[in-house]
Amino acid sequence: MEIVLNKILSEIQHQEDKVSSQMVETADKAFQMILFLKEMLFYYKDESFTNRI
């Protein structure tokens, strides 16, 4: 019985680690996308300003 409970706890911890890792990965990807979009925004703002002159 104790071995079965230890296996269950181990599997739960493994799944928690996996989900935690995926959450960090998702947050990292979202942050990278925000940086990319900011760069694009500044680029097009600069282009727009340059073309007006």
PDB file of N, CA and C in Angstrom:
ATOM      1  N   MET A   1       0.829  -1.201   0.000  1.00  0.00           N
ATOM      2  CA  MET A   1       0.000   0.000   0.000  1.00  0.00           C
ATOM      3  C   MET A   1       0.866   1.255   0.000  1.00  0.00           C
ATOM      4  N   GLU A   2       1.899   1.263   0.829  1.00  0.00           N
ATOM      5  CA  GLU A   2       2.775   2.432   0.922  1.00  0.00           C
ATOM      6  C   GLU A   2       3.509   2.673  -0.399  1.00  0.00           C
ATOM      7  N   ILE A   3       3.914   1.592  -1.054  1.00  0.00           N
ATOM      8  CA  ILE A   3       4.622   1.709  -2.329  1.00  0.00           C
ATOM      9  C   ILE A   3       3.706   2.334  -3.377  1.00  0.00           C
ATOM     10  N   VAL A   4       2.449   1.918  -3.387  1.00  0.00           N
ATOM     11  CA  VAL A   4       1.477   2.457  -4.344  1.00  0.00           C
ATOM     12  C   VAL A   4       1.267   3.949  -4.090  1.00  0.00           C
ATOM     13  N   LEU A   5       1.146   4.354  -2.850  1.00  0.00           N
ATOM     14  CA  LEU A   5       0.959   5.767  -2.520  1.00  0.00           C
ATOM     15  C   LEU A   5       2.185   6.585  -2.907  1.00  0.00           C
ATOM     16  N   ASN A   6       3.367   6.026  -2.685  1.00  0.00           N
ATOM     17  CA  ASN A   6       4.592   6.724  -3.081  1.00  0.00           C
ATOM     18  C   ASN A   6       4.664   6.896  -4.601  1.00  0.00           C
ATOM     19  N   LYS A   7       4.231   5.873  -5.335  1.00  0.00           N
ATOM     20  CA  LYS A   7       4.206   5.977  -6.794  1.00  0.00           C
ATOM     21  C   LYS A   7       3.231   7.057  -7.244  1.00  0.00           C
ATOM     22  N   ILE A   8       2.069   7.099  -6.615  1.00  0.00           N
ATOM     23  CA  ILE A   8       1.058   8.107  -6.946  1.00  0.00           C
ATOM     24  C   ILE A   8       1.598   9.506  -6.654  1.00  0.00           C
ATOM     25  N   LEU A   9       2.200   9.680  -5.480  1.00  0.00           N
ATOM     26  CA  LEU A   9       2.766  10.983  -5.129  1.00  0.00           C
ATOM     27  C   LEU A   9       3.880  11.382  -6.097  1.00  0.00           C
ATOM     28  N   SER A  10       4.701  10.425  -6.461  1.00  0.00           N
ATOM     29  CA  SER A  10       5.779  10.691  -7.398  1.00  0.00           C
ATOM     30  C   SER A  10       5.222  11.129  -8.750  1.00  0.00           C
ATOM     31  N   GLU A  11       4.194  10.466  -9.206  1.00  0.00           N
ATOM     32  CA  GLU A  11       3.571  10.826 -10.491  1.00  0.00           C
ATOM     33  C   GLU A  11       2.933  12.213 -10.427  1.00  0.00           C
ATOM     34  N   ILE A  12       2.300  12.522  -9.313  1.00  0.00           N
ATOM     35  CA  ILE A  12       1.696  13.853  -9.135  1.00  0.00           C
ATOM     36  C   ILE A  12       2.786  14.926  -9.176  1.00  0.00           C
ATOM     37  N   GLN A  13       3.887  14.687  -8.484  1.00  0.00           N
ATOM     38  CA  GLN A  13       4.986  15.655  -8.484  1.00  0.00           C
ATOM     39  C   GLN A  13       5.575  15.820  -9.892  1.00  0.00           C
ATOM     40  N   HIS A  14       5.687  14.725 -10.599  1.00  0.00           N
ATOM     41  CA  HIS A  14       6.197  14.769 -11.968  1.00  0.00           C
ATOM     42  C   HIS A  14       5.278  15.622 -12.849  1.00  0.00           C
ATOM     43  N   GLN A  15       3.983  15.398 -12.734  1.00  0.00           N
ATOM     44  CA  GLN A  15       3.021  16.173 -13.533  1.00  0.00           C
ATOM     45  C   GLN A  15       3.045  17.654 -13.145  1.00  0.00           C
ATOM     46  N   GLU A  16       3.173  17.943 -11.857  1.00  0.00           N
ATOM     47  CA  GLU A  16       3.265  19.340 -11.407  1.00  0.00           C
ATOM     48  C   GLU A  16       4.501  20.014 -11.996  1.00  0.00           C
ATOM     49  N   ASP A  17       5.629  19.323 -11.984  1.00  0.00           N
ATOM     50  CA  ASP A  17       6.859  19.864 -12.562  1.00  0.00           C
ATOM     51  C   ASP A  17       6.692  20.127 -14.054  1.00  0.00           C
ATOM     52  N   LYS A  18       6.040  19.201 -14.726  1.00  0.00           N
ATOM     53  CA  LYS A  18       5.819  19.333 -16.163  1.00  0.00           C
ATOM     54  C   LYS A  18       4.946  20.558 -16.463  1.00  0.00           C
ATOM     55  N   VAL A  19       3.852  20.713 -15.726  1.00  0.00           N
ATOM     56  CA  VAL A  19       2.950  21.850 -15.921  1.00  0.00           C
ATOM     57  C   VAL A  19       3.666  23.155 -15.584  1.00  0.00           C
ATOM     58  N   SER A  20       4.421  23.156 -14.515  1.00  0.00           N
ATOM     59  CA  SER A  20       5.165  24.350 -14.112  1.00  0.00           C
ATOM     60  C   SER A  20       6.147  24.756 -15.209  1.00  0.00           C
ATOM     61  N   SER A  21       6.834  23.803 -15.771  1.00  0.00           N
ATOM     62  CA  SER A  21       7.783  24.066 -16.844  1.00  0.00           C
ATOM     63  C   SER A  21       7.075  24.633 -18.070  1.00  0.00           C
ATOM     64  N   GLN A  22       5.914  24.087 -18.392  1.00  0.00           N
ATOM     65  CA  GLN A  22       5.149  24.572 -19.542  1.00  0.00           C
ATOM     66  C   GLN A  22       4.662  25.998 -19.304  1.00  0.00           C
ATOM     67  N   MET A  23       4.290  26.319 -18.079  1.00  0.00           N
ATOM     68  CA  MET A  23       3.828  27.662 -17.767  1.00  0.00           C
ATOM     69  C   MET A  23       4.965  28.665 -17.943  1.00  0.00           C
ATOM     70  N   VAL A  24       6.155  28.312 -17.495  1.00  0.00           N
ATOM     71  CA  VAL A  24       7.316  29.187 -17.644  1.00  0.00           C
ATOM     72  C   VAL A  24       7.616  29.381 -19.129  1.00  0.00           C
ATOM     73  N   GLU A  25       7.554  28.301 -19.883  1.00  0.00           N
ATOM     74  CA  GLU A  25       7.792  28.363 -21.319  1.00  0.00           C
ATOM     75  C   GLU A  25       6.776  29.279 -21.998  1.00  0.00           C
ATOM     76  N   THR A  26       5.511  29.153 -21.631  1.00  0.00           N
ATOM     77  CA  THR A  26       4.456  29.970 -22.217  1.00  0.00           C
ATOM     78  C   THR A  26       4.660  31.441 -21.872  1.00  0.00           C
ATOM     79  N   ALA A  27       4.993  31.723 -20.632  1.00  0.00           N
ATOM     80  CA  ALA A  27       5.236  33.106 -20.225  1.00  0.00           C
ATOM     81  C   ALA A  27       6.430  33.674 -20.981  1.00  0.00           C
ATOM     82  N   ASP A  28       7.453  32.871 -21.164  1.00  0.00           N
ATOM     83  CA  ASP A  28       8.643  33.293 -21.900  1.00  0.00           C
ATOM     84  C   ASP A  28       8.297  33.616 -23.357  1.00  0.00           C
ATOM     85  N   LYS A  29       7.505  32.766 -23.981  1.00  0.00           N
ATOM     86  CA  LYS A  29       7.098  32.994 -25.367  1.00  0.00           C
ATOM     87  C   LYS A  29       6.242  34.255 -25.481  1.00  0.00           C
ATOM     88  N   ALA A  30       5.345  34.465 -24.523  1.00  0.00           N
ATOM     89  CA  ALA A  30       4.502  35.655 -24.537  1.00  0.00           C
ATOM     90  C   ALA A  30       5.357  36.915 -24.404  1.00  0.00           C
ATOM     91  N   PHE A  31       6.346  36.881 -23.522  1.00  0.00           N
ATOM     92  CA  PHE A  31       7.231  38.029 -23.344  1.00  0.00           C
ATOM     93  C   PHE A  31       8.022  38.307 -24.621  1.00  0.00           C
ATOM     94  N   GLN A  32       8.531  37.258 -25.268  1.00  0.00           N
ATOM     95  CA  GLN A  32       9.258  37.430 -26.526  1.00  0.00           C
ATOM     96  C   GLN A  32       8.361  38.039 -27.601  1.00  0.00           C
ATOM     97  N   MET A  33       7.099  37.624 -27.630  1.00  0.00           N
ATOM     98  CA  MET A  33       6.162  38.173 -28.609  1.00  0.00           C
ATOM     99  C   MET A  33       5.903  39.648 -28.329  1.00  0.00           C
ATOM    100  N   ILE A  34       5.791  40.026 -27.071  1.00  0.00           N
ATOM    101  CA  ILE A  34       5.592  41.432 -26.708  1.00  0.00           C
ATOM    102  C   ILE A  34       6.786  42.261 -27.172  1.00  0.00           C
ATOM    103  N   LEU A  35       7.994  41.766 -26.939  1.00  0.00           N
ATOM    104  CA  LEU A  35       9.181  42.486 -27.388  1.00  0.00           C
ATOM    105  C   LEU A  35       9.196  42.640 -28.910  1.00  0.00           C
ATOM    106  N   PHE A  36       8.834  41.584 -29.604  1.00  0.00           N
ATOM    107  CA  PHE A  36       8.784  41.636 -31.066  1.00  0.00           C
ATOM    108  C   PHE A  36       7.764  42.667 -31.537  1.00  0.00           C
ATOM    109  N   LEU A  37       6.581  42.667 -30.936  1.00  0.00           N
ATOM    110  CA  LEU A  37       5.546  43.605 -31.342  1.00  0.00           C
ATOM    111  C   LEU A  37       5.946  45.047 -31.046  1.00  0.00           C
ATOM    112  N   LYS A  38       6.617  45.267 -29.916  1.00  0.00           N
ATOM    113  CA  LYS A  38       7.097  46.614 -29.601  1.00  0.00           C
ATOM    114  C   LYS A  38       8.111  47.077 -30.645  1.00  0.00           C
ATOM    115  N   GLU A  39       9.016  46.191 -31.023  1.00  0.00           N
ATOM    116  CA  GLU A  39      10.000  46.536 -32.047  1.00  0.00           C
ATOM    117  C   GLU A  39       9.311  46.897 -33.363  1.00  0.00           C
ATOM    118  N   MET A  40       8.334  46.096 -33.737  1.00  0.00           N
ATOM    119  CA  MET A  40       7.604  46.371 -34.976  1.00  0.00           C
ATOM    120  C   MET A  40       6.873  47.703 -34.900  1.00  0.00           C
ATOM    121  N   LEU A  41       6.262  47.985 -33.784  1.00  0.00           N
ATOM    122  CA  LEU A  41       5.539  49.238 -33.595  1.00  0.00           C
ATOM    123  C   LEU A  41       6.489  50.424 -33.737  1.00  0.00           C
ATOM    124  N   PHE A  42       7.623  50.375 -33.064  1.00  0.00           N
ATOM    125  CA  PHE A  42       8.583  51.476 -33.147  1.00  0.00           C
ATOM    126  C   PHE A  42       9.143  51.606 -34.564  1.00  0.00           C
ATOM    127  N   TYR A  43       9.374  50.473 -35.219  1.00  0.00           N
ATOM    128  CA  TYR A  43       9.873  50.516 -36.592  1.00  0.00           C
ATOM    129  C   TYR A  43       8.878  51.232 -37.500  1.00  0.00           C
ATOM    130  N   TYR A  44       7.599  50.837 -37.430  1.00  0.00           N
ATOM    131  CA  TYR A  44       6.610  51.447 -38.306  1.00  0.00           C
ATOM    132  C   TYR A  44       6.313  52.891 -37.931  1.00  0.00           C
ATOM    133  N   LYS A  45       6.393  53.216 -36.652  1.00  0.00           N
ATOM    134  CA  LYS A  45       6.251  54.616 -36.261  1.00  0.00           C
ATOM    135  C   LYS A  45       7.387  55.436 -36.865  1.00  0.00           C
ATOM    136  N   ASP A  46       8.612  54.922 -36.768  1.00  0.00           N
ATOM    137  CA  ASP A  46       9.772  55.609 -37.319  1.00  0.00           C
ATOM    138  C   ASP A  46       9.646  55.752 -38.839  1.00  0.00           C
ATOM    139  N   GLU A  47       9.234  54.685 -39.508  1.00  0.00           N
ATOM    140  CA  GLU A  47       9.051  54.716 -40.959  1.00  0.00           C
ATOM    141  C   GLU A  47       8.008  55.757 -41.342  1.00  0.00           C
ATOM    142  N   SER A  48       6.920  55.781 -40.598  1.00  0.00           N
ATOM    143  CA  SER A  48       5.838  56.717 -40.872  1.00  0.00           C
ATOM    144  C   SER A  48       6.345  58.148 -40.702  1.00  0.00           C
ATOM    145  N   PHE A  49       7.080  58.393 -39.643  1.00  0.00           N
ATOM    146  CA  PHE A  49       7.623  59.729 -39.377  1.00  0.00           C
ATOM    147  C   PHE A  49       8.640  60.115 -40.443  1.00  0.00           C
ATOM    148  N   THR A  50       9.497  59.185 -40.834  1.00  0.00           N
ATOM    149  CA  THR A  50      10.519  59.448 -41.841  1.00  0.00           C
ATOM    150  C   THR A  50       9.874  59.772 -43.190  1.00  0.00           C
ATOM    151  N   ASN A  51       8.814  59.073 -43.544  1.00  0.00           N
ATOM    152  CA  ASN A  51       8.161  59.285 -44.827  1.00  0.00           C
ATOM    153  C   ASN A  51       7.392  60.608 -44.874  1.00  0.00           C
ATOM    154  N   ARG A  52       7.068  61.178 -43.743  1.00  0.00           N
ATOM    155  CA  ARG A  52       6.345  62.453 -43.715  1.00  0.00           C
ATOM    156  C   ARG A  52       7.273  63.641 -43.968  1.00  0.00           C
ATOM    157  N   ILE A  53       8.524  63.426 -43.668  1.00  0.00           N
ATOM    158  CA  ILE A  53       9.478  64.554 -43.791  1.00  0.00           C
ATOM    159  C   ILE A  53       9.872  64.796 -45.229  1.00  0.00           C
TER     160      ILE A  53
END
